C-alpha atoms as a PDB file:
ATOM      1  CA  MET A   1      74.426 117.664 -16.526  1.00  0.00           C
ATOM      2  CA  LEU A   2      72.140 117.975 -19.546  1.00  0.00           C
ATOM      3  CA  ILE A   3      70.320 121.133 -20.583  1.00  0.00           C
ATOM      4  CA  LYS A   4      66.963 119.359 -20.346  1.00  0.00           C
ATOM      5  CA  GLU A   5      67.427 119.257 -16.559  1.00  0.00           C
ATOM      6  CA  TYR A   6      67.119 123.018 -16.059  1.00  0.00           C
ATOM      7  CA  TYR A   7      65.983 124.968 -19.139  1.00  0.00           C
ATOM      8  CA  HIS A   8      62.996 127.368 -19.170  1.00  0.00           C
ATOM      9  CA  ARG A   9      60.020 125.623 -20.657  1.00  0.00           C
ATOM     10  CA  ASP A  10      58.214 128.937 -20.979  1.00  0.00           C
ATOM     11  CA  LEU A  11      58.770 130.313 -24.421  1.00  0.00           C
ATOM     12  CA  PHE A  12      60.049 133.865 -24.148  1.00  0.00           C
ATOM     13  CA  THR A  13      59.271 134.817 -27.733  1.00  0.00           C
ATOM     14  CA  ILE A  14      58.203 137.901 -29.632  1.00  0.00           C
ATOM     15  CA  PRO A  15      57.295 138.529 -33.274  1.00  0.00           C
ATOM     16  CA  PRO A  16      59.581 140.530 -35.591  1.00  0.00           C
ATOM     17  CA  THR A  17      56.918 143.255 -35.750  1.00  0.00           C
ATOM     18  CA  PHE A  18      57.609 144.387 -32.161  1.00  0.00           C
ATOM     19  CA  THR A  19      59.254 147.761 -31.621  1.00  0.00           C
ATOM     20  CA  ILE A  20      62.104 148.308 -29.179  1.00  0.00           C
ATOM     21  CA  ALA A  21      59.665 150.086 -26.839  1.00  0.00           C
ATOM     22  CA  GLU A  22      57.360 147.046 -26.891  1.00  0.00           C
ATOM     23  CA  VAL A  23      60.312 144.749 -26.159  1.00  0.00           C
ATOM     24  CA  ILE A  24      61.377 146.810 -23.140  1.00  0.00           C
ATOM     25  CA  LYS A  25      57.795 146.880 -21.847  1.00  0.00           C
ATOM     26  CA  MET A  26      57.528 143.105 -22.207  1.00  0.00           C
ATOM     27  CA  MET A  27      60.878 142.649 -20.427  1.00  0.00           C
ATOM     28  CA  PHE A  28      59.333 144.298 -17.379  1.00  0.00           C
ATOM     29  CA  GLU A  29      56.100 142.328 -17.693  1.00  0.00           C
ATOM     30  CA  ARG A  30      57.891 138.971 -18.053  1.00  0.00           C
ATOM     31  CA  LYS A  31      60.712 139.918 -15.640  1.00  0.00           C
ATOM     32  CA  CYS A  32      63.389 138.889 -18.123  1.00  0.00           C
ATOM     33  CA  ASN A  33      66.239 140.397 -20.109  1.00  0.00           C
ATOM     34  CA  GLY A  34      65.795 138.803 -23.504  1.00  0.00           C
ATOM     35  CA  PHE A  35      63.578 137.081 -26.032  1.00  0.00           C
ATOM     36  CA  VAL A  36      63.772 134.805 -29.020  1.00  0.00           C
ATOM     37  CA  VAL A  37      62.349 136.538 -32.090  1.00  0.00           C
ATOM     38  CA  VAL A  38      60.115 134.050 -33.885  1.00  0.00           C
ATOM     39  CA  GLU A  39      58.544 134.077 -37.321  1.00  0.00           C
ATOM     40  CA  ASN A  40      56.449 131.169 -38.601  1.00  0.00           C
ATOM     41  CA  GLU A  41      57.342 129.266 -35.414  1.00  0.00           C
ATOM     42  CA  LYS A  42      61.072 129.425 -36.222  1.00  0.00           C
ATOM     43  CA  PRO A  43      63.672 131.433 -34.306  1.00  0.00           C
ATOM     44  CA  ILE A  44      65.062 134.207 -36.512  1.00  0.00           C
ATOM     45  CA  GLY A  45      66.857 136.302 -33.907  1.00  0.00           C
ATOM     46  CA  ILE A  46      67.700 137.031 -30.307  1.00  0.00           C
ATOM     47  CA  ILE A  47      67.101 140.346 -28.570  1.00  0.00           C
ATOM     48  CA  SER A  48      68.488 141.115 -25.137  1.00  0.00           C
ATOM     49  CA  MET A  49      68.958 144.153 -22.961  1.00  0.00           C
ATOM     50  CA  GLN A  50      72.596 144.043 -24.017  1.00  0.00           C
ATOM     51  CA  ASP A  51      71.596 144.399 -27.690  1.00  0.00           C
ATOM     52  CA  ILE A  52      69.365 147.374 -26.881  1.00  0.00           C
ATOM     53  CA  ALA A  53      72.176 148.992 -24.891  1.00  0.00           C
ATOM     54  CA  ALA A  54      74.568 148.415 -27.798  1.00  0.00           C
ATOM     55  CA  ALA A  55      72.145 150.241 -30.104  1.00  0.00           C
ATOM     56  CA  VAL A  56      72.098 153.255 -27.765  1.00  0.00           C
ATOM     57  CA  VAL A  57      75.780 153.584 -26.876  1.00  0.00           C
ATOM     58  CA  PRO A  58      77.915 155.018 -29.704  1.00  0.00           C
ATOM     59  CA  GLU A  59      80.631 152.608 -30.840  1.00  0.00           C
ATOM     60  CA  GLU A  60      83.426 155.019 -29.962  1.00  0.00           C
ATOM     61  CA  PHE A  61      82.135 155.082 -26.361  1.00  0.00           C
ATOM     62  CA  VAL A  62      82.309 151.292 -26.203  1.00  0.00           C
ATOM     63  CA  GLU A  63      85.853 151.305 -27.551  1.00  0.00           C
ATOM     64  CA  ASN A  64      86.889 153.978 -25.050  1.00  0.00           C
ATOM     65  CA  PRO A  65      84.578 154.496 -22.027  1.00  0.00           C
ATOM     66  CA  ASN A  66      86.587 157.612 -21.083  1.00  0.00           C
ATOM     67  CA  ILE A  67      85.129 159.332 -24.135  1.00  0.00           C
ATOM     68  CA  ALA A  68      81.634 158.654 -22.750  1.00  0.00           C
ATOM     69  CA  LYS A  69      82.657 160.366 -19.501  1.00  0.00           C
ATOM     70  CA  ALA A  70      84.291 163.306 -21.279  1.00  0.00           C
ATOM     71  CA  MET A  71      81.482 163.773 -23.787  1.00  0.00           C
ATOM     72  CA  TYR A  72      78.634 163.608 -21.245  1.00  0.00           C
ATOM     73  CA  LYS A  73      75.724 165.866 -22.107  1.00  0.00           C
ATOM     74  CA  ASP A  74      72.529 166.085 -20.061  1.00  0.00           C
ATOM     75  CA  GLY A  75      69.718 164.343 -21.935  1.00  0.00           C
ATOM     76  CA  PHE A  76      72.007 162.460 -24.348  1.00  0.00           C
ATOM     77  CA  PHE A  77      70.864 159.027 -23.115  1.00  0.00           C
ATOM     78  CA  ASP A  78      67.194 160.011 -23.429  1.00  0.00           C
ATOM     79  CA  GLU A  79      67.818 161.308 -26.968  1.00  0.00           C
ATOM     80  CA  ARG A  80      69.540 158.084 -28.017  1.00  0.00           C
ATOM     81  CA  VAL A  81      66.735 155.934 -26.591  1.00  0.00           C
ATOM     82  CA  ALA A  82      64.113 158.116 -28.302  1.00  0.00           C
ATOM     83  CA  GLU A  83      65.915 157.561 -31.619  1.00  0.00           C
ATOM     84  CA  ILE A  84      65.498 153.761 -31.460  1.00  0.00           C
ATOM     85  CA  LYS A  85      62.297 153.222 -29.455  1.00  0.00           C
ATOM     86  CA  ASP A  86      60.064 152.926 -32.526  1.00  0.00           C
ATOM     87  CA  HIS A  87      62.497 150.808 -34.559  1.00  0.00           C
ATOM     88  CA  LEU A  88      61.488 147.230 -35.232  1.00  0.00           C
ATOM     89  CA  VAL A  89      63.285 144.618 -33.180  1.00  0.00           C
ATOM     90  CA  THR A  90      64.732 143.231 -36.425  1.00  0.00           C
ATOM     91  CA  THR A  91      66.937 146.328 -36.778  1.00  0.00           C
ATOM     92  CA  ILE A  92      69.057 145.463 -33.727  1.00  0.00           C
ATOM     93  CA  MET A  93      68.411 141.796 -32.902  1.00  0.00           C
ATOM     94  CA  ARG A  94      71.204 139.276 -33.206  1.00  0.00           C
ATOM     95  CA  LYS A  95      70.623 137.415 -36.436  1.00  0.00           C
ATOM     96  CA  GLU A  96      73.543 135.052 -35.964  1.00  0.00           C
ATOM     97  CA  PHE A  97      73.055 132.839 -32.938  1.00  0.00           C
ATOM     98  CA  GLU A  98      73.408 129.267 -31.838  1.00  0.00           C
ATOM     99  CA  VAL A  99      70.434 127.024 -31.233  1.00  0.00           C
ATOM    100  CA  VAL A 100      71.141 124.273 -28.721  1.00  0.00           C
ATOM    101  CA  ASP A 101      69.499 120.869 -28.646  1.00  0.00           C
ATOM    102  CA  ILE A 102      67.712 119.916 -25.456  1.00  0.00           C
ATOM    103  CA  ALA A 103      69.901 116.799 -25.192  1.00  0.00           C
ATOM    104  CA  ASP A 104      73.174 118.802 -25.223  1.00  0.00           C
ATOM    105  CA  ASN A 105      75.309 119.081 -22.133  1.00  0.00           C
ATOM    106  CA  THR A 106      75.839 122.103 -19.926  1.00  0.00           C
ATOM    107  CA  LEU A 107      79.451 122.627 -21.012  1.00  0.00           C
ATOM    108  CA  SER A 108      78.323 123.194 -24.598  1.00  0.00           C
ATOM    109  CA  ILE A 109      75.998 125.990 -23.572  1.00  0.00           C
ATOM    110  CA  LEU A 110      78.586 127.506 -21.201  1.00  0.00           C
ATOM    111  CA  ALA A 111      81.072 127.654 -24.063  1.00  0.00           C
ATOM    112  CA  ASP A 112      78.452 129.438 -26.178  1.00  0.00           C
ATOM    113  CA  PHE A 113      77.694 131.926 -23.376  1.00  0.00           C
ATOM    114  CA  LEU A 114      81.394 132.715 -23.003  1.00  0.00           C
ATOM    115  CA  GLN A 115      82.231 132.899 -26.697  1.00  0.00           C
ATOM    116  CA  ASN A 116      79.279 135.070 -27.665  1.00  0.00           C
ATOM    117  CA  ASP A 117      78.537 136.965 -24.426  1.00  0.00           C
ATOM    118  CA  LEU A 118      74.956 135.720 -24.493  1.00  0.00           C
ATOM    119  CA  TYR A 119      72.039 136.210 -22.143  1.00  0.00           C
ATOM    120  CA  ILE A 120      69.571 133.848 -23.795  1.00  0.00           C
ATOM    121  CA  VAL A 121      69.929 130.723 -25.940  1.00  0.00           C
ATOM    122  CA  PRO A 122      67.045 129.023 -27.790  1.00  0.00           C
ATOM    123  CA  ILE A 123      66.567 125.336 -26.997  1.00  0.00           C
ATOM    124  CA  VAL A 124      65.196 122.991 -29.641  1.00  0.00           C
ATOM    125  CA  SER A 125      64.030 119.416 -29.786  1.00  0.00           C
ATOM    126  CA  GLU A 126      63.479 117.782 -33.156  1.00  0.00           C
ATOM    127  CA  ASP A 127      63.957 121.217 -34.796  1.00  0.00           C
ATOM    128  CA  LYS A 128      61.123 122.723 -32.724  1.00  0.00           C
ATOM    129  CA  LEU A 129      61.645 125.578 -30.276  1.00  0.00           C
ATOM    130  CA  VAL A 130      60.860 124.173 -26.816  1.00  0.00           C
ATOM    131  CA  GLY A 131      62.387 126.733 -24.458  1.00  0.00           C
ATOM    132  CA  ILE A 132      65.384 128.858 -23.574  1.00  0.00           C
ATOM    133  CA  VAL A 133      68.389 128.883 -21.296  1.00  0.00           C
ATOM    134  CA  THR A 134      69.346 132.131 -19.575  1.00  0.00           C
ATOM    135  CA  ARG A 135      72.254 133.071 -17.342  1.00  0.00           C
ATOM    136  CA  SER A 136      69.943 132.534 -14.366  1.00  0.00           C
ATOM    137  CA  ASP A 137      69.323 128.964 -15.516  1.00  0.00           C
ATOM    138  CA  VAL A 138      73.066 128.376 -15.782  1.00  0.00           C
ATOM    139  CA  LYS A 139      73.437 129.754 -12.247  1.00  0.00           C
ATOM    140  CA  LYS A 140      70.846 127.185 -11.092  1.00  0.00           C
ATOM    141  CA  ALA A 141      72.850 124.427 -12.809  1.00  0.00           C
ATOM    142  CA  PHE A 142      75.931 125.495 -10.836  1.00  0.00           C
ATOM    143  CA  ALA A 143      73.904 125.506  -7.611  1.00  0.00           C
ATOM    144  CA  LYS A 144      72.562 122.031  -8.352  1.00  0.00           C
ATOM    145  CA  ALA A 145      76.055 120.756  -9.127  1.00  0.00           C
ATOM    146  CA  ILE A 146      77.333 121.874  -5.717  1.00  0.00           C
ATOM    147  CA  GLY A 147      74.319 120.510  -3.897  1.00  0.00           C
ATOM    148  CA  LEU A 148      72.344 123.675  -3.188  1.00  0.00           C
ATOM    149  CA  GLU A 149      68.571 123.381  -3.264  1.00  0.00           C
ATOM    150  CA  ILE A 150      67.350 126.440  -5.158  1.00  0.00           C
ATOM    151  CA  LYS A 151      63.756 127.096  -6.148  1.00  0.00           C
END
C-alpha cells in the first residue's frame, strides 16, 4: 500500500513564531497531537504532544520514573508547564526529521515511526509539502489491509 492512499491532505502546519501555549490551543482546535513547523513554505520542524511532554518532564524522571513518584510535589507539573508556555515552538520542536515522498510505501513510514517514535510525518510531492501521516492514518492503513471499512 502506498502512502498516497491514506495520508492527510489537510496541512497541519504552524509558523515558527508560535508559542507552546498557542500550539496546545491549536491542538485542541484541530483535534490533533502534532504539527509541521513551516517557514517560507518549507518544513523546518515537527512539534508533537510528546515533544511538549519531554520539555516538561525532567530528564532524570524519564530515565527513572520511580524518581518522579518519589519526588512528587503538588503544583510541580503546573510550574514546569508555566516555565515553557511562552517559549517559541522552535525551542523544543524536532529539527531532525524525515520527510516522506507521497509515492513511498507504507512499510517505509512504519519503519520511520518505529525508529523515531513519531506521531506525525510530513509528506512531500516534488519537494512541496502536500500533507502528513499520523499514527491514526497508519491505523486506517492497517484496517484497510484487513478489509475493514473505516470512515
